[in-house]
Amino acid sequence: MSMQRTLLLVAAVWALILAPARGLPFERAGGADARIQNLEQEVASLKQRLMEIEAENLRLKEKAVRTLALYTRADRKLMAIRGDRSEGLKAVQREYRKLKQVQNELQAVVKEVQQLTGKKGAYRAQVLSKDSSLKWFLAGAGVFFLGIVVGRFSVKASRRYRSSLEI
């Protein structure tokens, strides 16, 4: 209603003030009815145009609401995807750190194995030298005892045939 009043007021101002200022003839009583009728038709057409614009405005508002809802859903999905990717990235980073730690531990174990292998070779050489020394020692002891045993029996055998008075 206030829009109608505003339009009528504008039309009246135009008819009274602006029309004579532009050199348009101001119509008096008889022509005023025709002019009022023209203005009413113009007001009606303006009302019709206003209703069309309001309908278009309402349609655009509804479209904006739907678009905003779609945007909000898309934004939520994007945030969820980003969150999933972020969680996935964090999981990959954690796994990488674990693998790096395992790799460092593996390298430390490999170094330790290499050191132990070197020590093992040194110990083996020592054991073999001790082992071979022990074998030679036992072989010498065996030969010594075998010499004593053989000498004992061979000396007894030669003493049996000889008398103790003979020299």
N, C-alpha and C. Protein backbone atom coordinates (compact mmCIF):
# COMPACT_ATOMS: atom_id res chain seq x y z
N MET A 1 0.81 -1.18 0.00
CA MET A 1 0.00 0.00 0.00
C MET A 1 0.86 1.26 0.00
N SER A 2 1.88 1.27 0.75
CA SER A 2 2.74 2.46 0.79
C SER A 2 3.40 2.67 -0.57
N MET A 3 3.62 1.59 -1.31
CA MET A 3 4.21 1.70 -2.63
C MET A 3 3.23 2.39 -3.59
N GLN A 4 1.94 2.09 -3.44
CA GLN A 4 0.92 2.74 -4.28
C GLN A 4 0.87 4.23 -4.00
N ARG A 5 0.89 4.54 -2.75
CA ARG A 5 0.85 5.96 -2.37
C ARG A 5 2.07 6.70 -2.92
N THR A 6 3.20 6.04 -2.83
CA THR A 6 4.42 6.66 -3.33
C THR A 6 4.32 6.89 -4.83
N LEU A 7 3.80 5.91 -5.56
CA LEU A 7 3.66 6.05 -7.01
C LEU A 7 2.66 7.14 -7.37
N LEU A 8 1.55 7.19 -6.65
CA LEU A 8 0.56 8.24 -6.91
C LEU A 8 1.15 9.61 -6.61
N LEU A 9 1.90 9.70 -5.53
CA LEU A 9 2.53 10.96 -5.17
C LEU A 9 3.52 11.38 -6.24
N VAL A 10 4.29 10.45 -6.74
CA VAL A 10 5.26 10.75 -7.79
C VAL A 10 4.54 11.20 -9.05
N ALA A 11 3.47 10.52 -9.39
CA ALA A 11 2.70 10.90 -10.58
C ALA A 11 2.10 12.29 -10.41
N ALA A 12 1.61 12.57 -9.23
CA ALA A 12 1.00 13.88 -8.99
C ALA A 12 2.06 14.98 -9.04
N VAL A 13 3.21 14.73 -8.46
CA VAL A 13 4.29 15.70 -8.51
C VAL A 13 4.71 15.92 -9.95
N TRP A 14 4.78 14.88 -10.70
CA TRP A 14 5.15 15.02 -12.11
C TRP A 14 4.13 15.85 -12.86
N ALA A 15 2.87 15.58 -12.58
CA ALA A 15 1.81 16.31 -13.28
C ALA A 15 1.79 17.78 -12.89
N LEU A 16 2.01 18.07 -11.63
CA LEU A 16 1.89 19.45 -11.17
C LEU A 16 3.17 20.27 -11.34
N ILE A 17 4.31 19.64 -11.11
CA ILE A 17 5.53 20.43 -11.08
C ILE A 17 6.37 20.23 -12.34
N LEU A 18 6.62 19.04 -12.70
CA LEU A 18 7.57 18.78 -13.77
C LEU A 18 6.98 19.00 -15.16
N ALA A 19 5.72 18.67 -15.34
CA ALA A 19 5.11 18.84 -16.67
C ALA A 19 5.12 20.31 -17.10
N PRO A 20 4.67 21.26 -16.26
CA PRO A 20 4.71 22.66 -16.71
C PRO A 20 6.15 23.14 -16.88
N ALA A 21 7.10 22.62 -16.06
CA ALA A 21 8.47 23.07 -16.17
C ALA A 21 9.08 22.65 -17.50
N ARG A 22 8.61 21.58 -18.07
CA ARG A 22 9.13 21.09 -19.35
C ARG A 22 8.38 21.71 -20.53
N GLY A 23 7.45 22.51 -20.25
CA GLY A 23 6.70 23.15 -21.32
C GLY A 23 5.51 22.34 -21.76
N LEU A 24 5.14 21.36 -20.98
CA LEU A 24 3.97 20.55 -21.33
C LEU A 24 2.73 21.30 -20.85
N PRO A 25 1.67 21.23 -21.59
CA PRO A 25 0.46 21.96 -21.16
C PRO A 25 -0.15 21.30 -19.94
N PHE A 26 -0.55 22.13 -19.01
CA PHE A 26 -1.21 21.61 -17.81
C PHE A 26 -2.69 21.59 -18.09
N GLU A 27 -3.24 20.46 -17.98
CA GLU A 27 -4.64 20.30 -18.33
C GLU A 27 -5.48 20.60 -17.11
N ARG A 28 -6.54 21.27 -17.33
CA ARG A 28 -7.41 21.65 -16.23
C ARG A 28 -8.54 20.66 -16.12
N ALA A 29 -9.55 21.00 -15.49
CA ALA A 29 -10.64 20.15 -15.06
C ALA A 29 -11.02 19.07 -16.05
N GLY A 30 -11.36 19.38 -17.31
CA GLY A 30 -11.81 18.38 -18.26
C GLY A 30 -10.70 17.44 -18.64
N GLY A 31 -9.52 17.95 -18.86
CA GLY A 31 -8.39 17.13 -19.26
C GLY A 31 -7.75 16.43 -18.07
N ALA A 32 -8.07 16.91 -16.89
CA ALA A 32 -7.49 16.31 -15.70
C ALA A 32 -7.99 14.91 -15.50
N ASP A 33 -9.26 14.67 -15.82
CA ASP A 33 -9.80 13.31 -15.66
C ASP A 33 -9.07 12.35 -16.60
N ALA A 34 -8.84 12.79 -17.82
CA ALA A 34 -8.13 11.94 -18.78
C ALA A 34 -6.69 11.72 -18.30
N ARG A 35 -6.13 12.81 -17.77
CA ARG A 35 -4.76 12.72 -17.28
C ARG A 35 -4.70 11.80 -16.08
N ILE A 36 -5.68 11.90 -15.18
CA ILE A 36 -5.73 11.04 -14.00
C ILE A 36 -5.91 9.59 -14.44
N GLN A 37 -6.77 9.41 -15.45
CA GLN A 37 -6.99 8.05 -15.95
C GLN A 37 -5.69 7.50 -16.55
N ASN A 38 -4.98 8.34 -17.30
CA ASN A 38 -3.69 7.91 -17.85
C ASN A 38 -2.70 7.58 -16.74
N LEU A 39 -2.72 8.46 -15.73
CA LEU A 39 -1.81 8.22 -14.60
C LEU A 39 -2.20 6.95 -13.85
N GLU A 40 -3.51 6.70 -13.70
CA GLU A 40 -3.95 5.48 -13.03
C GLU A 40 -3.54 4.25 -13.84
N GLN A 41 -3.64 4.38 -15.18
CA GLN A 41 -3.20 3.26 -16.03
C GLN A 41 -1.69 3.05 -15.89
N GLU A 42 -1.01 4.19 -15.85
CA GLU A 42 0.45 4.10 -15.67
C GLU A 42 0.79 3.51 -14.31
N VAL A 43 0.03 3.91 -13.26
CA VAL A 43 0.22 3.35 -11.92
C VAL A 43 -0.08 1.86 -11.95
N ALA A 44 -1.16 1.47 -12.64
CA ALA A 44 -1.52 0.05 -12.72
C ALA A 44 -0.41 -0.74 -13.42
N SER A 45 0.11 -0.16 -14.52
CA SER A 45 1.18 -0.87 -15.23
C SER A 45 2.44 -0.92 -14.36
N LEU A 46 2.69 0.17 -13.61
CA LEU A 46 3.84 0.16 -12.71
C LEU A 46 3.63 -0.84 -11.59
N LYS A 47 2.38 -0.94 -11.10
CA LYS A 47 2.08 -1.96 -10.06
C LYS A 47 2.31 -3.35 -10.63
N GLN A 48 1.86 -3.55 -11.88
CA GLN A 48 2.05 -4.85 -12.53
C GLN A 48 3.55 -5.14 -12.66
N ARG A 49 4.30 -4.15 -13.08
CA ARG A 49 5.76 -4.32 -13.22
C ARG A 49 6.40 -4.58 -11.86
N LEU A 50 5.90 -3.86 -10.80
CA LEU A 50 6.40 -4.06 -9.45
C LEU A 50 6.12 -5.49 -8.99
N MET A 51 4.92 -5.99 -9.27
CA MET A 51 4.59 -7.37 -8.88
C MET A 51 5.48 -8.36 -9.61
N GLU A 52 5.75 -8.09 -10.90
CA GLU A 52 6.64 -8.96 -11.66
C GLU A 52 8.06 -8.92 -11.07
N ILE A 53 8.52 -7.73 -10.73
CA ILE A 53 9.85 -7.59 -10.15
C ILE A 53 9.92 -8.27 -8.79
N GLU A 54 8.84 -8.10 -7.97
CA GLU A 54 8.81 -8.77 -6.66
C GLU A 54 8.80 -10.29 -6.84
N ALA A 55 8.06 -10.80 -7.83
CA ALA A 55 8.03 -12.23 -8.10
C ALA A 55 9.44 -12.71 -8.53
N GLU A 56 10.06 -11.91 -9.41
CA GLU A 56 11.43 -12.25 -9.84
C GLU A 56 12.38 -12.20 -8.65
N ASN A 57 12.21 -11.21 -7.78
CA ASN A 57 13.03 -11.08 -6.58
C ASN A 57 12.84 -12.30 -5.69
N LEU A 58 11.59 -12.72 -5.49
CA LEU A 58 11.31 -13.90 -4.67
C LEU A 58 11.94 -15.14 -5.29
N ARG A 59 11.80 -15.26 -6.63
CA ARG A 59 12.40 -16.41 -7.31
C ARG A 59 13.92 -16.40 -7.14
N LEU A 60 14.54 -15.24 -7.27
CA LEU A 60 15.99 -15.14 -7.11
C LEU A 60 16.41 -15.41 -5.67
N LYS A 61 15.60 -14.96 -4.70
CA LYS A 61 15.91 -15.25 -3.30
C LYS A 61 15.87 -16.75 -3.04
N GLU A 62 14.83 -17.41 -3.58
CA GLU A 62 14.73 -18.87 -3.42
C GLU A 62 15.92 -19.56 -4.08
N LYS A 63 16.29 -19.06 -5.26
CA LYS A 63 17.45 -19.64 -5.95
C LYS A 63 18.72 -19.40 -5.12
N ALA A 64 18.84 -18.22 -4.51
CA ALA A 64 20.00 -17.93 -3.67
C ALA A 64 20.04 -18.84 -2.46
N VAL A 65 18.87 -19.12 -1.86
CA VAL A 65 18.81 -20.03 -0.71
C VAL A 65 19.24 -21.42 -1.13
N ARG A 66 18.71 -21.89 -2.28
CA ARG A 66 19.11 -23.22 -2.77
C ARG A 66 20.61 -23.25 -3.07
N THR A 67 21.12 -22.21 -3.70
CA THR A 67 22.54 -22.15 -4.03
C THR A 67 23.38 -22.13 -2.76
N LEU A 68 22.92 -21.35 -1.77
CA LEU A 68 23.63 -21.31 -0.49
C LEU A 68 23.63 -22.68 0.17
N ALA A 69 22.50 -23.38 0.12
CA ALA A 69 22.42 -24.72 0.70
C ALA A 69 23.39 -25.67 -0.03
N LEU A 70 23.41 -25.58 -1.37
CA LEU A 70 24.34 -26.41 -2.14
C LEU A 70 25.79 -26.07 -1.80
N TYR A 71 26.05 -24.78 -1.71
CA TYR A 71 27.40 -24.35 -1.35
C TYR A 71 27.78 -24.85 0.03
N THR A 72 26.84 -24.76 0.98
CA THR A 72 27.13 -25.22 2.34
C THR A 72 27.42 -26.71 2.35
N ARG A 73 26.61 -27.49 1.62
CA ARG A 73 26.85 -28.94 1.56
C ARG A 73 28.20 -29.23 0.90
N ALA A 74 28.47 -28.52 -0.19
CA ALA A 74 29.74 -28.74 -0.89
C ALA A 74 30.91 -28.35 0.02
N ASP A 75 30.74 -27.26 0.77
CA ASP A 75 31.79 -26.83 1.69
C ASP A 75 32.02 -27.87 2.78
N ARG A 76 30.93 -28.42 3.31
CA ARG A 76 31.07 -29.47 4.33
C ARG A 76 31.77 -30.69 3.77
N LYS A 77 31.38 -31.08 2.54
CA LYS A 77 32.03 -32.23 1.92
C LYS A 77 33.51 -31.95 1.71
N LEU A 78 33.82 -30.74 1.25
CA LEU A 78 35.21 -30.37 1.03
C LEU A 78 35.99 -30.41 2.33
N MET A 79 35.39 -29.88 3.40
CA MET A 79 36.07 -29.90 4.69
C MET A 79 36.27 -31.34 5.16
N ALA A 80 35.26 -32.20 4.93
CA ALA A 80 35.39 -33.61 5.30
C ALA A 80 36.52 -34.26 4.50
N ILE A 81 36.56 -33.96 3.20
CA ILE A 81 37.62 -34.53 2.36
C ILE A 81 38.97 -34.00 2.82
N ARG A 82 39.03 -32.71 3.10
CA ARG A 82 40.29 -32.16 3.60
C ARG A 82 40.67 -32.80 4.92
N GLY A 83 39.66 -33.00 5.79
CA GLY A 83 39.93 -33.65 7.06
C GLY A 83 40.43 -35.06 6.86
N ASP A 84 39.78 -35.79 5.93
CA ASP A 84 40.22 -37.15 5.63
C ASP A 84 41.64 -37.14 5.07
N ARG A 85 41.88 -36.21 4.16
CA ARG A 85 43.22 -36.13 3.59
C ARG A 85 44.23 -35.75 4.65
N SER A 86 43.80 -34.83 5.51
CA SER A 86 44.70 -34.40 6.58
C SER A 86 45.00 -35.57 7.50
N GLU A 87 43.97 -36.33 7.87
CA GLU A 87 44.18 -37.50 8.72
C GLU A 87 45.03 -38.53 7.99
N GLY A 88 44.74 -38.72 6.70
CA GLY A 88 45.54 -39.66 5.91
C GLY A 88 46.98 -39.21 5.82
N LEU A 89 47.18 -37.92 5.63
CA LEU A 89 48.54 -37.39 5.57
C LEU A 89 49.24 -37.56 6.91
N LYS A 90 48.53 -37.30 8.00
CA LYS A 90 49.13 -37.47 9.32
C LYS A 90 49.48 -38.93 9.55
N ALA A 91 48.60 -39.83 9.11
CA ALA A 91 48.88 -41.27 9.27
C ALA A 91 50.11 -41.67 8.46
N VAL A 92 50.20 -41.16 7.24
CA VAL A 92 51.36 -41.46 6.40
C VAL A 92 52.63 -40.90 7.03
N GLN A 93 52.53 -39.69 7.60
CA GLN A 93 53.70 -39.11 8.25
C GLN A 93 54.11 -39.92 9.47
N ARG A 94 53.12 -40.40 10.24
CA ARG A 94 53.44 -41.25 11.40
C ARG A 94 54.12 -42.53 10.94
N GLU A 95 53.58 -43.15 9.90
CA GLU A 95 54.16 -44.39 9.38
C GLU A 95 55.57 -44.13 8.85
N TYR A 96 55.76 -42.98 8.20
CA TYR A 96 57.09 -42.64 7.69
C TYR A 96 58.08 -42.50 8.84
N ARG A 97 57.64 -41.81 9.91
CA ARG A 97 58.53 -41.65 11.06
C ARG A 97 58.86 -43.01 11.66
N LYS A 98 57.86 -43.89 11.77
CA LYS A 98 58.11 -45.23 12.29
C LYS A 98 59.09 -45.99 11.40
N LEU A 99 58.87 -45.91 10.09
CA LEU A 99 59.76 -46.61 9.16
C LEU A 99 61.17 -46.04 9.24
N LYS A 100 61.27 -44.72 9.37
CA LYS A 100 62.58 -44.10 9.49
C LYS A 100 63.27 -44.57 10.76
N GLN A 101 62.51 -44.66 11.84
CA GLN A 101 63.07 -45.14 13.12
C GLN A 101 63.52 -46.59 12.98
N VAL A 102 62.69 -47.42 12.34
CA VAL A 102 63.04 -48.82 12.13
C VAL A 102 64.28 -48.92 11.24
N GLN A 103 64.35 -48.05 10.21
CA GLN A 103 65.52 -48.06 9.34
C GLN A 103 66.78 -47.69 10.13
N ASN A 104 66.68 -46.69 10.98
CA ASN A 104 67.84 -46.30 11.80
C ASN A 104 68.24 -47.44 12.73
N GLU A 105 67.23 -48.09 13.34
CA GLU A 105 67.53 -49.23 14.22
C GLU A 105 68.17 -50.36 13.42
N LEU A 106 67.66 -50.59 12.21
CA LEU A 106 68.21 -51.63 11.36
C LEU A 106 69.66 -51.32 10.99
N GLN A 107 69.94 -50.06 10.68
CA GLN A 107 71.32 -49.69 10.37
C GLN A 107 72.22 -49.89 11.58
N ALA A 108 71.72 -49.57 12.77
CA ALA A 108 72.51 -49.78 13.99
C ALA A 108 72.76 -51.27 14.20
N VAL A 109 71.75 -52.10 13.96
CA VAL A 109 71.91 -53.54 14.12
C VAL A 109 72.88 -54.08 13.08
N VAL A 110 72.81 -53.57 11.85
CA VAL A 110 73.74 -54.02 10.80
C VAL A 110 75.17 -53.67 11.19
N LYS A 111 75.38 -52.45 11.72
CA LYS A 111 76.72 -52.07 12.17
C LYS A 111 77.19 -52.98 13.29
N GLU A 112 76.28 -53.27 14.22
CA GLU A 112 76.63 -54.15 15.34
C GLU A 112 76.96 -55.54 14.83
N VAL A 113 76.18 -56.03 13.87
CA VAL A 113 76.46 -57.36 13.29
C VAL A 113 77.82 -57.36 12.60
N GLN A 114 78.12 -56.28 11.88
CA GLN A 114 79.42 -56.20 11.23
C GLN A 114 80.55 -56.19 12.25
N GLN A 115 80.36 -55.45 13.33
CA GLN A 115 81.37 -55.43 14.38
C GLN A 115 81.52 -56.81 15.00
N LEU A 116 80.38 -57.45 15.28
CA LEU A 116 80.44 -58.78 15.87
C LEU A 116 81.05 -59.80 14.91
N THR A 117 80.78 -59.62 13.62
CA THR A 117 81.38 -60.52 12.64
C THR A 117 82.89 -60.35 12.62
N GLY A 118 83.35 -59.10 12.69
CA GLY A 118 84.80 -58.86 12.76
C GLY A 118 85.40 -59.46 14.01
N LYS A 119 84.70 -59.28 15.14
CA LYS A 119 85.18 -59.87 16.39
C LYS A 119 85.15 -61.38 16.31
N LYS A 120 84.12 -61.90 15.66
CA LYS A 120 84.01 -63.36 15.52
C LYS A 120 85.19 -63.90 14.73
N GLY A 121 85.56 -63.20 13.67
CA GLY A 121 86.72 -63.63 12.88
C GLY A 121 88.00 -63.60 13.72
N ALA A 122 88.14 -62.54 14.52
CA ALA A 122 89.33 -62.45 15.38
C ALA A 122 89.32 -63.56 16.42
N TYR A 123 88.17 -63.79 17.04
CA TYR A 123 88.06 -64.87 18.03
C TYR A 123 88.30 -66.22 17.39
N ARG A 124 87.78 -66.39 16.18
CA ARG A 124 87.98 -67.67 15.48
C ARG A 124 89.46 -67.88 15.21
N ALA A 125 90.14 -66.83 14.80
CA ALA A 125 91.58 -66.96 14.56
C ALA A 125 92.30 -67.31 15.86
N GLN A 126 91.90 -66.64 16.94
CA GLN A 126 92.53 -66.97 18.23
C GLN A 126 92.23 -68.40 18.63
N VAL A 127 90.98 -68.81 18.48
CA VAL A 127 90.60 -70.17 18.86
C VAL A 127 91.33 -71.17 17.99
N LEU A 128 91.41 -70.88 16.69
CA LEU A 128 92.11 -71.81 15.81
C LEU A 128 93.60 -71.88 16.15
N SER A 129 94.17 -70.72 16.48
CA SER A 129 95.59 -70.77 16.84
C SER A 129 95.76 -71.52 18.15
N LYS A 130 94.86 -71.27 19.11
CA LYS A 130 94.92 -72.01 20.37
C LYS A 130 94.63 -73.48 20.12
N ASP A 131 93.66 -73.73 19.25
CA ASP A 131 93.28 -75.10 18.94
C ASP A 131 94.44 -75.83 18.26
N SER A 132 95.06 -75.17 17.31
CA SER A 132 96.19 -75.82 16.64
C SER A 132 97.37 -75.96 17.60
N SER A 133 97.56 -74.96 18.46
CA SER A 133 98.62 -75.07 19.47
C SER A 133 98.34 -76.24 20.40
N LEU A 134 97.09 -76.36 20.78
CA LEU A 134 96.70 -77.46 21.67
C LEU A 134 96.89 -78.79 20.96
N LYS A 135 96.54 -78.84 19.70
CA LYS A 135 96.72 -80.09 18.95
C LYS A 135 98.21 -80.45 18.86
N TRP A 136 99.04 -79.47 18.58
CA TRP A 136 100.47 -79.75 18.50
C TRP A 136 101.01 -80.15 19.87
N PHE A 137 100.48 -79.46 20.90
CA PHE A 137 100.92 -79.82 22.26
C PHE A 137 100.53 -81.25 22.58
N LEU A 138 99.28 -81.62 22.28
CA LEU A 138 98.81 -82.98 22.55
C LEU A 138 99.57 -84.00 21.69
N ALA A 139 99.86 -83.62 20.45
CA ALA A 139 100.61 -84.53 19.58
C ALA A 139 102.02 -84.75 20.16
N GLY A 140 102.64 -83.68 20.63
CA GLY A 140 103.98 -83.80 21.24
C GLY A 140 103.93 -84.63 22.50
N ALA A 141 102.88 -84.39 23.33
CA ALA A 141 102.75 -85.16 24.56
C ALA A 141 102.52 -86.63 24.23
N GLY A 142 101.74 -86.89 23.21
CA GLY A 142 101.49 -88.28 22.80
C GLY A 142 102.75 -88.95 22.35
N VAL A 143 103.54 -88.24 21.55
CA VAL A 143 104.80 -88.81 21.08
C VAL A 143 105.74 -89.05 22.27
N PHE A 144 105.78 -88.11 23.21
CA PHE A 144 106.61 -88.25 24.39
C PHE A 144 106.22 -89.48 25.19
N PHE A 145 104.93 -89.60 25.51
CA PHE A 145 104.48 -90.75 26.30
C PHE A 145 104.65 -92.04 25.52
N LEU A 146 104.41 -92.00 24.23
CA LEU A 146 104.62 -93.19 23.41
C LEU A 146 106.10 -93.58 23.43
N GLY A 147 106.99 -92.61 23.40
CA GLY A 147 108.43 -92.88 23.47
C GLY A 147 108.80 -93.49 24.81
N ILE A 148 108.20 -92.99 25.89
CA ILE A 148 108.47 -93.55 27.21
C ILE A 148 107.98 -94.99 27.27
N VAL A 149 106.77 -95.21 26.80
CA VAL A 149 106.20 -96.57 26.86
C VAL A 149 107.03 -97.51 26.00
N VAL A 150 107.34 -97.11 24.81
CA VAL A 150 108.12 -97.97 23.92
C VAL A 150 109.51 -98.18 24.52
N GLY A 151 110.11 -97.14 25.06
CA GLY A 151 111.44 -97.26 25.67
C GLY A 151 111.39 -98.15 26.90
N ARG A 152 110.39 -98.08 27.65
CA ARG A 152 110.25 -98.88 28.85
C ARG A 152 110.17 -100.35 28.49
N PHE A 153 109.32 -100.63 27.53
CA PHE A 153 109.21 -102.03 27.16
C PHE A 153 110.45 -102.54 26.44
N SER A 154 111.02 -101.71 25.64
CA SER A 154 112.21 -102.18 24.93
C SER A 154 113.41 -102.27 25.88
N VAL A 155 113.49 -101.44 26.88
CA VAL A 155 114.56 -101.50 27.86
C VAL A 155 114.36 -102.75 28.71
N LYS A 156 113.22 -103.09 29.14
CA LYS A 156 112.95 -104.26 29.94
C LYS A 156 113.27 -105.52 29.16
N ALA A 157 112.94 -105.47 27.91
CA ALA A 157 113.21 -106.65 27.11
C ALA A 157 114.72 -106.85 26.96
N SER A 158 115.46 -105.81 26.78
CA SER A 158 116.90 -105.97 26.64
C SER A 158 117.53 -106.26 27.98
N ARG A 159 116.97 -105.82 29.08
CA ARG A 159 117.50 -106.10 30.40
C ARG A 159 117.23 -107.55 30.79
N ARG A 160 116.24 -108.14 30.32
CA ARG A 160 115.93 -109.52 30.68
C ARG A 160 117.02 -110.45 30.15
N TYR A 161 117.48 -110.15 29.02
CA TYR A 161 118.48 -111.04 28.45
C TYR A 161 119.85 -110.76 28.99
N ARG A 162 120.07 -109.70 29.56
CA ARG A 162 121.37 -109.38 30.11
C ARG A 162 121.35 -109.55 31.61
N SER A 163 122.37 -109.84 32.06
CA SER A 163 122.47 -109.98 33.51
C SER A 163 122.86 -108.67 34.06
N SER A 164 122.55 -108.46 35.29
CA SER A 164 122.86 -107.21 35.91
C SER A 164 124.36 -107.12 36.25
N LEU A 165 125.09 -108.24 36.25
CA LEU A 165 126.51 -108.21 36.54
C LEU A 165 127.34 -107.80 35.33
N GLU A 166 126.78 -107.97 34.24
CA GLU A 166 127.51 -107.62 33.05
C GLU A 166 127.38 -106.14 32.77
N ILE A 167 128.47 -105.69 32.44
CA ILE A 167 128.48 -104.30 32.11
C ILE A 167 129.17 -104.11 30.82
